[in-house]
């Protein structure tokens, strides 16, 4: 998500006020807010959900609708959302 620079603080406030509710939403296992260090108005929310259905339930919720309605006018360009799946895990905790 790329925000208008003048609205980055507004977005951070919206995220801060909704993050606990999102994390507590049924099916949400993890939620992070990431920022591009070279483009400080560019953010990504990274979340883990129990299933695609759990994510869809969240997207249909009042919580999402109200959060999105407040966030959308702050964008500098259209936001992109996509889902991914783990293909491979590499590292000491990967077990091999």
PDB file of N, CA and C in Angstrom:
ATOM      1  N   UNK A   1       0.849  -1.160   0.000  1.00  0.00           N
ATOM      2  CA  UNK A   1       0.000   0.000   0.000  1.00  0.00           C
ATOM      3  C   UNK A   1       0.899   1.227   0.000  1.00  0.00           C
ATOM      4  N   UNK A   2       0.659   2.106  -0.952  1.00  0.00           N
ATOM      5  CA  UNK A   2       1.414   3.352  -1.014  1.00  0.00           C
ATOM      6  C   UNK A   2       0.481   4.485  -0.604  1.00  0.00           C
ATOM      7  N   UNK A   3       0.875   5.200   0.433  1.00  0.00           N
ATOM      8  CA  UNK A   3       0.049   6.267   0.969  1.00  0.00           C
ATOM      9  C   UNK A   3       0.568   7.638   0.547  1.00  0.00           C
ATOM     10  N   UNK A   4      -0.345   8.587   0.521  1.00  0.00           N
ATOM     11  CA  UNK A   4       0.068   9.976   0.362  1.00  0.00           C
ATOM     12  C   UNK A   4       0.930  10.294   1.584  1.00  0.00           C
ATOM     13  N   UNK A   5       2.064  10.916   1.356  1.00  0.00           N
ATOM     14  CA  UNK A   5       2.994  11.162   2.457  1.00  0.00           C
ATOM     15  C   UNK A   5       2.347  11.911   3.619  1.00  0.00           C
ATOM     16  N   UNK A   6       1.447  12.805   3.304  1.00  0.00           N
ATOM     17  CA  UNK A   6       0.781  13.585   4.352  1.00  0.00           C
ATOM     18  C   UNK A   6      -0.151  12.737   5.213  1.00  0.00           C
ATOM     19  N   UNK A   7      -0.463  11.515   4.762  1.00  0.00           N
ATOM     20  CA  UNK A   7      -1.426  10.672   5.478  1.00  0.00           C
ATOM     21  C   UNK A   7      -0.818   9.418   6.103  1.00  0.00           C
ATOM     22  N   UNK A   8       0.501   9.314   6.099  1.00  0.00           N
ATOM     23  CA  UNK A   8       1.147   8.137   6.696  1.00  0.00           C
ATOM     24  C   UNK A   8       0.801   8.040   8.182  1.00  0.00           C
ATOM     25  N   UNK A   9       0.857   9.134   8.893  1.00  0.00           N
ATOM     26  CA  UNK A   9       0.523   9.129  10.325  1.00  0.00           C
ATOM     27  C   UNK A   9      -0.931   8.729  10.541  1.00  0.00           C
ATOM     28  N   UNK A  10      -1.824   9.196   9.652  1.00  0.00           N
ATOM     29  CA  UNK A  10      -3.239   8.808   9.753  1.00  0.00           C
ATOM     30  C   UNK A  10      -3.393   7.303   9.592  1.00  0.00           C
ATOM     31  N   UNK A  11      -2.695   6.729   8.608  1.00  0.00           N
ATOM     32  CA  UNK A  11      -2.768   5.279   8.410  1.00  0.00           C
ATOM     33  C   UNK A  11      -2.237   4.540   9.625  1.00  0.00           C
ATOM     34  N   UNK A  12      -1.109   4.983  10.161  1.00  0.00           N
ATOM     35  CA  UNK A  12      -0.540   4.313  11.333  1.00  0.00           C
ATOM     36  C   UNK A  12      -1.515   4.345  12.504  1.00  0.00           C
ATOM     37  N   UNK A  13      -2.226   5.433  12.646  1.00  0.00           N
ATOM     38  CA  UNK A  13      -3.228   5.548  13.705  1.00  0.00           C
ATOM     39  C   UNK A  13      -4.378   4.560  13.479  1.00  0.00           C
ATOM     40  N   UNK A  14      -4.844   4.455  12.246  1.00  0.00           N
ATOM     41  CA  UNK A  14      -5.911   3.498  11.918  1.00  0.00           C
ATOM     42  C   UNK A  14      -5.445   2.077  12.204  1.00  0.00           C
ATOM     43  N   UNK A  15      -4.235   1.744  11.765  1.00  0.00           N
ATOM     44  CA  UNK A  15      -3.705   0.398  11.994  1.00  0.00           C
ATOM     45  C   UNK A  15      -3.578   0.127  13.487  1.00  0.00           C
ATOM     46  N   UNK A  16      -3.016   1.087  14.222  1.00  0.00           N
ATOM     47  CA  UNK A  16      -2.840   0.896  15.668  1.00  0.00           C
ATOM     48  C   UNK A  16      -4.168   0.677  16.389  1.00  0.00           C
ATOM     49  N   UNK A  17      -5.206   1.354  15.937  1.00  0.00           N
ATOM     50  CA  UNK A  17      -6.497   1.222  16.615  1.00  0.00           C
ATOM     51  C   UNK A  17      -7.243  -0.060  16.231  1.00  0.00           C
ATOM     52  N   UNK A  18      -6.853  -0.711  15.130  1.00  0.00           N
ATOM     53  CA  UNK A  18      -7.581  -1.910  14.697  1.00  0.00           C
ATOM     54  C   UNK A  18      -6.769  -3.197  14.805  1.00  0.00           C
ATOM     55  N   UNK A  19      -5.476  -3.117  15.018  1.00  0.00           N
ATOM     56  CA  UNK A  19      -4.628  -4.314  14.963  1.00  0.00           C
ATOM     57  C   UNK A  19      -5.008  -5.378  15.997  1.00  0.00           C
ATOM     58  N   UNK A  20      -5.382  -4.969  17.201  1.00  0.00           N
ATOM     59  CA  UNK A  20      -5.750  -5.963  18.214  1.00  0.00           C
ATOM     60  C   UNK A  20      -7.024  -6.705  17.823  1.00  0.00           C
ATOM     61  N   UNK A  21      -7.978  -5.975  17.253  1.00  0.00           N
ATOM     62  CA  UNK A  21      -9.226  -6.610  16.811  1.00  0.00           C
ATOM     63  C   UNK A  21      -8.967  -7.557  15.638  1.00  0.00           C
ATOM     64  N   UNK A  22      -8.101  -7.161  14.724  1.00  0.00           N
ATOM     65  CA  UNK A  22      -7.785  -8.036  13.588  1.00  0.00           C
ATOM     66  C   UNK A  22      -7.100  -9.297  14.091  1.00  0.00           C
ATOM     67  N   UNK A  23      -6.116  -9.124  14.967  1.00  0.00           N
ATOM     68  CA  UNK A  23      -5.397 -10.291  15.500  1.00  0.00           C
ATOM     69  C   UNK A  23      -6.325 -11.222  16.279  1.00  0.00           C
ATOM     70  N   UNK A  24      -7.373 -10.671  16.878  1.00  0.00           N
ATOM     71  CA  UNK A  24      -8.323 -11.470  17.650  1.00  0.00           C
ATOM     72  C   UNK A  24      -9.440 -12.044  16.782  1.00  0.00           C
ATOM     73  N   UNK A  25      -9.479 -11.663  15.507  1.00  0.00           N
ATOM     74  CA  UNK A  25     -10.550 -12.138  14.631  1.00  0.00           C
ATOM     75  C   UNK A  25     -10.403 -13.647  14.445  1.00  0.00           C
ATOM     76  N   UNK A  26     -11.499 -14.398  14.484  1.00  0.00           N
ATOM     77  CA  UNK A  26     -11.418 -15.854  14.320  1.00  0.00           C
ATOM     78  C   UNK A  26     -10.666 -16.240  13.049  1.00  0.00           C
ATOM     79  N   UNK A  27      -9.647 -17.067  13.223  1.00  0.00           N
ATOM     80  CA  UNK A  27      -8.875 -17.558  12.089  1.00  0.00           C
ATOM     81  C   UNK A  27      -7.589 -16.801  11.829  1.00  0.00           C
ATOM     82  N   UNK A  28      -7.407 -15.638  12.454  1.00  0.00           N
ATOM     83  CA  UNK A  28      -6.166 -14.886  12.258  1.00  0.00           C
ATOM     84  C   UNK A  28      -5.104 -15.421  13.204  1.00  0.00           C
ATOM     85  N   UNK A  29      -4.013 -15.905  12.650  1.00  0.00           N
ATOM     86  CA  UNK A  29      -2.922 -16.442  13.461  1.00  0.00           C
ATOM     87  C   UNK A  29      -1.793 -15.433  13.672  1.00  0.00           C
ATOM     88  N   UNK A  30      -1.673 -14.470  12.736  1.00  0.00           N
ATOM     89  CA  UNK A  30      -0.522 -13.566  12.777  1.00  0.00           C
ATOM     90  C   UNK A  30      -0.823 -12.332  11.940  1.00  0.00           C
ATOM     91  N   UNK A  31      -0.365 -11.175  12.398  1.00  0.00           N
ATOM     92  CA  UNK A  31      -0.509  -9.926  11.641  1.00  0.00           C
ATOM     93  C   UNK A  31       0.718  -9.074  11.891  1.00  0.00           C
ATOM     94  N   UNK A  32       1.338  -8.603  10.817  1.00  0.00           N
ATOM     95  CA  UNK A  32       2.487  -7.705  10.898  1.00  0.00           C
ATOM     96  C   UNK A  32       2.244  -6.520   9.977  1.00  0.00           C
ATOM     97  N   UNK A  33       2.827  -5.396  10.338  1.00  0.00           N
ATOM     98  CA  UNK A  33       2.866  -4.234   9.458  1.00  0.00           C
ATOM     99  C   UNK A  33       4.320  -4.022   9.076  1.00  0.00           C
ATOM    100  N   UNK A  34       4.598  -4.059   7.777  1.00  0.00           N
ATOM    101  CA  UNK A  34       5.952  -3.897   7.256  1.00  0.00           C
ATOM    102  C   UNK A  34       6.029  -2.607   6.458  1.00  0.00           C
ATOM    103  N   UNK A  35       7.219  -1.984   6.459  1.00  0.00           N
ATOM    104  CA  UNK A  35       7.403  -0.746   5.706  1.00  0.00           C
ATOM    105  C   UNK A  35       8.674  -0.842   4.868  1.00  0.00           C
ATOM    106  N   UNK A  36       8.627  -0.293   3.671  1.00  0.00           N
ATOM    107  CA  UNK A  36       9.793  -0.224   2.788  1.00  0.00           C
ATOM    108  C   UNK A  36      10.736   0.847   3.344  1.00  0.00           C
ATOM    109  N   UNK A  37      11.952   0.485   3.742  1.00  0.00           N
ATOM    110  CA  UNK A  37      12.852   1.483   4.325  1.00  0.00           C
ATOM    111  C   UNK A  37      13.286   2.564   3.332  1.00  0.00           C
ATOM    112  N   UNK A  38      13.221   2.267   2.047  1.00  0.00           N
ATOM    113  CA  UNK A  38      13.607   3.243   1.027  1.00  0.00           C
ATOM    114  C   UNK A  38      12.441   4.104   0.559  1.00  0.00           C
ATOM    115  N   UNK A  39      11.225   3.662   0.855  1.00  0.00           N
ATOM    116  CA  UNK A  39      10.017   4.405   0.484  1.00  0.00           C
ATOM    117  C   UNK A  39       9.087   4.385   1.695  1.00  0.00           C
ATOM    118  N   UNK A  40       9.290   5.290   2.642  1.00  0.00           N
ATOM    119  CA  UNK A  40       8.592   5.216   3.927  1.00  0.00           C
ATOM    120  C   UNK A  40       7.078   5.409   3.882  1.00  0.00           C
ATOM    121  N   UNK A  41       6.518   5.708   2.732  1.00  0.00           N
ATOM    122  CA  UNK A  41       5.061   5.785   2.615  1.00  0.00           C
ATOM    123  C   UNK A  41       4.480   4.488   2.045  1.00  0.00           C
ATOM    124  N   UNK A  42       5.335   3.471   1.879  1.00  0.00           N
ATOM    125  CA  UNK A  42       4.913   2.183   1.330  1.00  0.00           C
ATOM    126  C   UNK A  42       4.899   1.123   2.430  1.00  0.00           C
ATOM    127  N   UNK A  43       3.727   0.527   2.649  1.00  0.00           N
ATOM    128  CA  UNK A  43       3.525  -0.463   3.701  1.00  0.00           C
ATOM    129  C   UNK A  43       2.928  -1.740   3.129  1.00  0.00           C
ATOM    130  N   UNK A  44       3.131  -2.821   3.865  1.00  0.00           N
ATOM    131  CA  UNK A  44       2.521  -4.112   3.556  1.00  0.00           C
ATOM    132  C   UNK A  44       1.982  -4.677   4.861  1.00  0.00           C
ATOM    133  N   UNK A  45       0.757  -5.176   4.840  1.00  0.00           N
ATOM    134  CA  UNK A  45       0.293  -5.966   5.973  1.00  0.00           C
ATOM    135  C   UNK A  45       0.511  -7.425   5.595  1.00  0.00           C
ATOM    136  N   UNK A  46       1.083  -8.159   6.509  1.00  0.00           N
ATOM    137  CA  UNK A  46       1.413  -9.561   6.303  1.00  0.00           C
ATOM    138  C   UNK A  46       0.678 -10.347   7.374  1.00  0.00           C
ATOM    139  N   UNK A  47      -0.195 -11.238   6.944  1.00  0.00           N
ATOM    140  CA  UNK A  47      -1.003 -11.974   7.915  1.00  0.00           C
ATOM    141  C   UNK A  47      -1.072 -13.450   7.559  1.00  0.00           C
ATOM    142  N   UNK A  48      -1.306 -14.258   8.581  1.00  0.00           N
ATOM    143  CA  UNK A  48      -1.502 -15.700   8.424  1.00  0.00           C
ATOM    144  C   UNK A  48      -2.921 -16.007   8.878  1.00  0.00           C
ATOM    145  N   UNK A  49      -3.638 -16.779   8.084  1.00  0.00           N
ATOM    146  CA  UNK A  49      -5.020 -17.155   8.390  1.00  0.00           C
ATOM    147  C   UNK A  49      -5.143 -18.662   8.379  1.00  0.00           C
ATOM    148  N   UNK A  50      -6.070 -19.184   9.188  1.00  0.00           N
ATOM    149  CA  UNK A  50      -6.293 -20.621   9.255  1.00  0.00           C
ATOM    150  C   UNK A  50      -6.654 -21.215   7.904  1.00  0.00           C
ATOM    151  N   UNK A  51      -7.376 -20.444   7.097  1.00  0.00           N
ATOM    152  CA  UNK A  51      -7.842 -20.950   5.803  1.00  0.00           C
ATOM    153  C   UNK A  51      -8.263 -19.771   4.926  1.00  0.00           C
ATOM    154  N   UNK A  52      -8.386 -20.004   3.625  1.00  0.00           N
ATOM    155  CA  UNK A  52      -8.924 -18.954   2.755  1.00  0.00           C
ATOM    156  C   UNK A  52     -10.318 -18.508   3.191  1.00  0.00           C
ATOM    157  N   UNK A  53     -11.095 -19.431   3.730  1.00  0.00           N
ATOM    158  CA  UNK A  53     -12.447 -19.102   4.189  1.00  0.00           C
ATOM    159  C   UNK A  53     -12.408 -18.153   5.390  1.00  0.00           C
ATOM    160  N   UNK A  54     -11.454 -18.366   6.295  1.00  0.00           N
ATOM    161  CA  UNK A  54     -11.317 -17.480   7.453  1.00  0.00           C
ATOM    162  C   UNK A  54     -10.958 -16.068   6.997  1.00  0.00           C
ATOM    163  N   UNK A  55     -10.053 -15.961   6.036  1.00  0.00           N
ATOM    164  CA  UNK A  55      -9.697 -14.651   5.494  1.00  0.00           C
ATOM    165  C   UNK A  55     -10.901 -14.002   4.829  1.00  0.00           C
ATOM    166  N   UNK A  56     -11.661 -14.772   4.098  1.00  0.00           N
ATOM    167  CA  UNK A  56     -12.850 -14.230   3.425  1.00  0.00           C
ATOM    168  C   UNK A  56     -13.887 -13.758   4.443  1.00  0.00           C
ATOM    169  N   UNK A  57     -14.038 -14.483   5.551  1.00  0.00           N
ATOM    170  CA  UNK A  57     -14.953 -14.041   6.617  1.00  0.00           C
ATOM    171  C   UNK A  57     -14.515 -12.678   7.150  1.00  0.00           C
ATOM    172  N   UNK A  58     -13.209 -12.511   7.331  1.00  0.00           N
ATOM    173  CA  UNK A  58     -12.697 -11.216   7.792  1.00  0.00           C
ATOM    174  C   UNK A  58     -13.005 -10.134   6.755  1.00  0.00           C
ATOM    175  N   UNK A  59     -12.766 -10.423   5.494  1.00  0.00           N
ATOM    176  CA  UNK A  59     -13.008  -9.423   4.444  1.00  0.00           C
ATOM    177  C   UNK A  59     -14.477  -9.034   4.330  1.00  0.00           C
ATOM    178  N   UNK A  60     -15.366  -9.880   4.808  1.00  0.00           N
ATOM    179  CA  UNK A  60     -16.800  -9.580   4.782  1.00  0.00           C
ATOM    180  C   UNK A  60     -17.296  -8.967   6.093  1.00  0.00           C
ATOM    181  N   UNK A  61     -16.396  -8.767   7.037  1.00  0.00           N
ATOM    182  CA  UNK A  61     -16.794  -8.295   8.368  1.00  0.00           C
ATOM    183  C   UNK A  61     -16.939  -6.779   8.421  1.00  0.00           C
ATOM    184  N   UNK A  62     -17.681  -6.316   9.431  1.00  0.00           N
ATOM    185  CA  UNK A  62     -17.791  -4.878   9.691  1.00  0.00           C
ATOM    186  C   UNK A  62     -16.430  -4.288  10.047  1.00  0.00           C
ATOM    187  N   UNK A  63     -15.608  -5.050  10.749  1.00  0.00           N
ATOM    188  CA  UNK A  63     -14.273  -4.583  11.110  1.00  0.00           C
ATOM    189  C   UNK A  63     -13.478  -4.230   9.855  1.00  0.00           C
ATOM    190  N   UNK A  64     -13.464  -5.124   8.875  1.00  0.00           N
ATOM    191  CA  UNK A  64     -12.739  -4.840   7.638  1.00  0.00           C
ATOM    192  C   UNK A  64     -13.360  -3.659   6.904  1.00  0.00           C
ATOM    193  N   UNK A  65     -14.675  -3.665   6.778  1.00  0.00           N
ATOM    194  CA  UNK A  65     -15.344  -2.586   6.028  1.00  0.00           C
ATOM    195  C   UNK A  65     -15.049  -1.211   6.604  1.00  0.00           C
ATOM    196  N   UNK A  66     -15.124  -1.079   7.915  1.00  0.00           N
ATOM    197  CA  UNK A  66     -14.876   0.233   8.517  1.00  0.00           C
ATOM    198  C   UNK A  66     -13.394   0.619   8.444  1.00  0.00           C
ATOM    199  N   UNK A  67     -12.508  -0.355   8.648  1.00  0.00           N
ATOM    200  CA  UNK A  67     -11.070  -0.079   8.555  1.00  0.00           C
ATOM    201  C   UNK A  67     -10.690   0.301   7.131  1.00  0.00           C
ATOM    202  N   UNK A  68     -11.205  -0.442   6.165  1.00  0.00           N
ATOM    203  CA  UNK A  68     -10.899  -0.171   4.758  1.00  0.00           C
ATOM    204  C   UNK A  68     -11.479   1.181   4.329  1.00  0.00           C
ATOM    205  N   UNK A  69     -12.675   1.503   4.763  1.00  0.00           N
ATOM    206  CA  UNK A  69     -13.297   2.784   4.405  1.00  0.00           C
ATOM    207  C   UNK A  69     -12.462   3.959   4.908  1.00  0.00           C
ATOM    208  N   UNK A  70     -11.849   3.816   6.075  1.00  0.00           N
ATOM    209  CA  UNK A  70     -11.006   4.880   6.616  1.00  0.00           C
ATOM    210  C   UNK A  70      -9.637   4.929   5.933  1.00  0.00           C
ATOM    211  N   UNK A  71      -9.139   3.774   5.499  1.00  0.00           N
ATOM    212  CA  UNK A  71      -7.804   3.672   4.917  1.00  0.00           C
ATOM    213  C   UNK A  71      -7.767   4.060   3.441  1.00  0.00           C
ATOM    214  N   UNK A  72      -8.744   3.632   2.698  1.00  0.00           N
ATOM    215  CA  UNK A  72      -8.728   3.788   1.238  1.00  0.00           C
ATOM    216  C   UNK A  72      -8.496   5.227   0.750  1.00  0.00           C
ATOM    217  N   UNK A  73      -9.111   6.243   1.342  1.00  0.00           N
ATOM    218  CA  UNK A  73      -8.880   7.611   0.851  1.00  0.00           C
ATOM    219  C   UNK A  73      -7.448   8.133   1.060  1.00  0.00           C
ATOM    220  N   UNK A  74      -6.656   7.411   1.846  1.00  0.00           N
ATOM    221  CA  UNK A  74      -5.304   7.854   2.156  1.00  0.00           C
ATOM    222  C   UNK A  74      -4.263   7.391   1.141  1.00  0.00           C
ATOM    223  N   UNK A  75      -4.658   6.499   0.236  1.00  0.00           N
ATOM    224  CA  UNK A  75      -3.715   5.935  -0.732  1.00  0.00           C
ATOM    225  C   UNK A  75      -3.236   6.960  -1.753  1.00  0.00           C
ATOM    226  N   UNK A  76      -1.977   6.816  -2.156  1.00  0.00           N
ATOM    227  CA  UNK A  76      -1.425   7.604  -3.257  1.00  0.00           C
ATOM    228  C   UNK A  76      -1.637   6.872  -4.578  1.00  0.00           C
ATOM    229  N   UNK A  77      -1.802   5.548  -4.492  1.00  0.00           N
ATOM    230  CA  UNK A  77      -2.091   4.727  -5.666  1.00  0.00           C
ATOM    231  C   UNK A  77      -2.900   3.512  -5.221  1.00  0.00           C
ATOM    232  N   UNK A  78      -3.517   2.878  -6.178  1.00  0.00           N
ATOM    233  CA  UNK A  78      -4.377   1.731  -5.871  1.00  0.00           C
ATOM    234  C   UNK A  78      -3.603   0.640  -5.136  1.00  0.00           C
ATOM    235  N   UNK A  79      -4.205   0.105  -4.100  1.00  0.00           N
ATOM    236  CA  UNK A  79      -3.577  -0.959  -3.316  1.00  0.00           C
ATOM    237  C   UNK A  79      -3.699  -2.297  -4.028  1.00  0.00           C
ATOM    238  N   UNK A  80      -2.758  -3.169  -3.757  1.00  0.00           N
ATOM    239  CA  UNK A  80      -2.761  -4.520  -4.304  1.00  0.00           C
ATOM    240  C   UNK A  80      -2.829  -5.505  -3.149  1.00  0.00           C
ATOM    241  N   UNK A  81      -3.692  -6.502  -3.273  1.00  0.00           N
ATOM    242  CA  UNK A  81      -3.788  -7.555  -2.257  1.00  0.00           C
ATOM    243  C   UNK A  81      -3.653  -8.903  -2.960  1.00  0.00           C
ATOM    244  N   UNK A  82      -2.939  -9.806  -2.332  1.00  0.00           N
ATOM    245  CA  UNK A  82      -2.808 -11.145  -2.886  1.00  0.00           C
ATOM    246  C   UNK A  82      -2.485 -12.126  -1.778  1.00  0.00           C
ATOM    247  N   UNK A  83      -2.767 -13.384  -2.042  1.00  0.00           N
ATOM    248  CA  UNK A  83      -2.464 -14.454  -1.100  1.00  0.00           C
ATOM    249  C   UNK A  83      -1.309 -15.276  -1.652  1.00  0.00           C
ATOM    250  N   UNK A  84      -0.554 -15.851  -0.747  1.00  0.00           N
ATOM    251  CA  UNK A  84       0.570 -16.706  -1.127  1.00  0.00           C
ATOM    252  C   UNK A  84       0.502 -17.989  -0.306  1.00  0.00           C
ATOM    253  N   UNK A  85       1.234 -18.992  -0.765  1.00  0.00           N
ATOM    254  CA  UNK A  85       1.350 -20.229  -0.012  1.00  0.00           C
ATOM    255  C   UNK A  85       2.822 -20.577   0.126  1.00  0.00           C
ATOM    256  N   UNK A  86       3.182 -21.242   1.198  1.00  0.00           N
ATOM    257  CA  UNK A  86       4.567 -21.643   1.432  1.00  0.00           C
ATOM    258  C   UNK A  86       4.945 -22.744   0.475  1.00  0.00           C
ATOM    259  N   UNK A  87       6.066 -22.544  -0.212  1.00  0.00           N
ATOM    260  CA  UNK A  87       6.590 -23.554  -1.120  1.00  0.00           C
ATOM    261  C   UNK A  87       7.737 -24.299  -0.440  1.00  0.00           C
ATOM    262  N   UNK A  88       8.584 -23.563   0.266  1.00  0.00           N
ATOM    263  CA  UNK A  88       9.720 -24.166   0.937  1.00  0.00           C
ATOM    264  C   UNK A  88      10.135 -23.277   2.102  1.00  0.00           C
ATOM    265  N   UNK A  89      10.561 -23.900   3.176  1.00  0.00           N
ATOM    266  CA  UNK A  89      11.090 -23.171   4.326  1.00  0.00           C
ATOM    267  C   UNK A  89      12.562 -23.555   4.454  1.00  0.00           C
ATOM    268  N   UNK A  90      13.415 -22.556   4.550  1.00  0.00           N
ATOM    269  CA  UNK A  90      14.851 -22.773   4.678  1.00  0.00           C
ATOM    270  C   UNK A  90      15.318 -22.123   5.962  1.00  0.00           C
ATOM    271  N   UNK A  91      16.103 -22.822   6.723  1.00  0.00           N
ATOM    272  CA  UNK A  91      16.633 -22.240   7.945  1.00  0.00           C
ATOM    273  C   UNK A  91      16.753 -23.282   9.036  1.00  0.00           C
ATOM    274  N   UNK A  92      17.330 -22.891  10.167  1.00  0.00           N
ATOM    275  CA  UNK A  92      17.552 -23.833  11.247  1.00  0.00           C
ATOM    276  C   UNK A  92      16.284 -24.452  11.815  1.00  0.00           C
ATOM    277  N   UNK A  93      15.179 -23.722  11.796  1.00  0.00           N
ATOM    278  CA  UNK A  93      13.937 -24.265  12.365  1.00  0.00           C
ATOM    279  C   UNK A  93      13.152 -25.072  11.339  1.00  0.00           C
ATOM    280  N   UNK A  94      13.667 -25.214  10.115  1.00  0.00           N
ATOM    281  CA  UNK A  94      12.942 -25.918   9.062  1.00  0.00           C
ATOM    282  C   UNK A  94      13.052 -27.428   9.183  1.00  0.00           C
ATOM    283  N   UNK A  95      13.920 -27.917  10.029  1.00  0.00           N
ATOM    284  CA  UNK A  95      14.019 -29.365  10.233  1.00  0.00           C
ATOM    285  C   UNK A  95      14.705 -30.098   9.106  1.00  0.00           C
ATOM    286  N   UNK A  96      15.609 -29.476   8.434  1.00  0.00           N
ATOM    287  CA  UNK A  96      16.306 -30.247   7.430  1.00  0.00           C
ATOM    288  C   UNK A  96      17.016 -29.440   6.484  1.00  0.00           C
TER     289      UNK A  96
END
